[in-house]
């Protein structure tokens, strides 16, 4: 079955960096786009970044452009989110997502907390 497992979250000071990973299994990884979403306390889940199967296209939420970079390694069935210059408003649980037709798959999430 499809599995998405995030890792790499933690506590970081404002201006710091973190690199999230999402290890995938159970589907033809290189054929599908994957995305990162996040959900802050009391807020709805929101899109952060996406990458196509062959990495030819990426897309970002406006507020993370220039600070976050999404990438993937199809040999390792893993996507990454490099997050630089983190700010308190980036505090959230970060989720990995993929889907096709009427099927949606989410990871369990990894907590990112930005605080001094």
Protein backbone atom coordinates (compact mmCIF):
# COMPACT_ATOMS: atom_id res chain seq x y z
CA UNK A 1 0.00 0.00 0.00
CA UNK A 2 1.02 3.62 -0.41
CA UNK A 3 3.09 4.95 2.47
CA UNK A 4 4.54 8.39 3.03
CA UNK A 5 6.82 8.91 6.02
CA UNK A 6 8.06 12.38 6.92
CA UNK A 7 11.09 13.17 9.05
CA UNK A 8 13.41 16.05 9.85
CA UNK A 9 11.21 18.35 11.87
CA UNK A 10 12.27 19.99 15.09
CA UNK A 11 12.75 23.18 17.05
CA UNK A 12 14.77 25.94 15.39
CA UNK A 13 15.43 29.59 16.11
CA UNK A 14 14.19 32.32 13.75
CA UNK A 15 16.52 32.57 10.78
CA UNK A 16 17.52 28.94 11.09
CA UNK A 17 17.19 26.07 8.64
CA UNK A 18 15.72 22.59 8.53
CA UNK A 19 15.53 19.91 5.86
CA UNK A 20 12.45 17.73 5.78
CA UNK A 21 12.35 14.35 4.07
CA UNK A 22 9.45 12.22 2.88
CA UNK A 23 10.17 8.58 2.10
CA UNK A 24 7.57 7.00 -0.18
CA UNK A 25 6.67 3.43 -1.05
CA UNK A 26 3.90 1.39 -2.63
CA UNK A 27 3.55 3.23 -5.95
CA UNK A 28 5.49 4.21 -9.07
CA UNK A 29 7.26 7.08 -7.36
CA UNK A 30 8.91 8.72 -10.37
CA UNK A 31 5.62 8.91 -12.26
CA UNK A 32 3.85 11.20 -9.80
CA UNK A 33 4.04 14.71 -8.47
CA UNK A 34 4.39 15.10 -4.73
CA UNK A 35 3.69 18.05 -2.50
CA UNK A 36 4.33 19.48 0.92
CA UNK A 37 1.47 20.96 2.95
CA UNK A 38 1.43 22.39 6.46
CA UNK A 39 -1.12 22.97 9.19
CA UNK A 40 -0.63 25.46 11.99
CA UNK A 41 -2.62 25.24 15.24
CA UNK A 42 -6.17 26.44 14.71
CA UNK A 43 -5.69 26.88 10.98
CA UNK A 44 -6.58 24.92 7.87
CA UNK A 45 -4.01 22.81 6.07
CA UNK A 46 -2.30 24.82 3.32
CA UNK A 47 -0.19 24.12 0.28
CA UNK A 48 3.54 24.81 0.59
CA UNK A 49 5.33 23.36 -2.44
CA UNK A 50 5.02 20.76 -5.19
CA UNK A 51 7.33 19.00 -7.64
CA UNK A 52 6.60 16.97 -10.75
CA UNK A 53 7.74 13.40 -11.21
CA UNK A 54 10.83 14.25 -13.22
CA UNK A 55 11.53 17.49 -11.31
CA UNK A 56 10.96 19.65 -14.39
CA UNK A 57 8.48 21.86 -12.58
CA UNK A 58 8.10 23.17 -9.06
CA UNK A 59 5.54 25.43 -7.45
CA UNK A 60 5.57 27.32 -4.15
CA UNK A 61 3.31 29.20 -1.79
CA UNK A 62 4.15 32.87 -2.23
CA UNK A 63 5.31 33.38 1.34
CA UNK A 64 7.99 30.66 1.09
CA UNK A 65 9.39 31.54 -2.33
CA UNK A 66 13.10 32.24 -2.10
CA UNK A 67 13.35 30.54 1.32
CA UNK A 68 12.13 26.97 0.70
CA UNK A 69 13.29 24.54 -1.98
CA UNK A 70 11.54 21.30 -2.88
CA UNK A 71 13.52 18.52 -4.52
CA UNK A 72 13.37 14.77 -5.04
CA UNK A 73 15.62 11.77 -5.51
CA UNK A 74 13.78 9.19 -7.56
CA UNK A 75 16.48 6.60 -6.89
CA UNK A 76 15.68 6.86 -3.18
CA UNK A 77 11.90 7.36 -3.52
CA UNK A 78 12.27 10.46 -1.39
CA UNK A 79 11.33 14.12 -1.61
CA UNK A 80 12.85 16.91 0.41
CA UNK A 81 11.96 20.38 1.60
CA UNK A 82 14.93 22.58 2.38
CA UNK A 83 13.70 25.42 4.57
CA UNK A 84 15.94 28.43 5.15
CA UNK A 85 15.38 31.68 7.04
CA UNK A 86 12.60 30.09 9.05
CA UNK A 87 10.19 32.43 10.81
CA UNK A 88 7.72 31.88 13.66
CA UNK A 89 4.85 31.91 11.15
CA UNK A 90 6.36 28.79 9.56
CA UNK A 91 5.55 26.85 12.74
CA UNK A 92 3.25 23.98 11.75
CA UNK A 93 2.96 20.28 11.19
CA UNK A 94 4.34 19.58 7.72
CA UNK A 95 2.74 16.83 5.62
CA UNK A 96 3.80 15.01 2.48
CA UNK A 97 1.03 14.39 -0.09
CA UNK A 98 0.44 12.54 -3.32
CA UNK A 99 -2.66 11.47 -5.16
CA UNK A 100 -4.26 10.50 -8.41
CA UNK A 101 -7.87 10.40 -9.68
CA UNK A 102 -9.94 10.13 -6.48
CA UNK A 103 -7.20 8.79 -4.24
CA UNK A 104 -5.36 10.98 -1.75
CA UNK A 105 -2.41 9.89 0.36
CA UNK A 106 -0.92 11.77 3.30
CA UNK A 107 1.95 11.13 5.62
CA UNK A 108 1.63 11.38 9.38
CA UNK A 109 3.35 14.76 9.50
CA UNK A 110 6.42 16.19 11.17
CA UNK A 111 6.37 19.11 13.60
CA UNK A 112 8.36 22.24 12.81
CA UNK A 113 8.58 24.84 15.57
CA UNK A 114 10.32 28.16 15.02
CA UNK A 115 10.90 29.97 18.29
CA UNK A 116 13.58 31.82 20.19
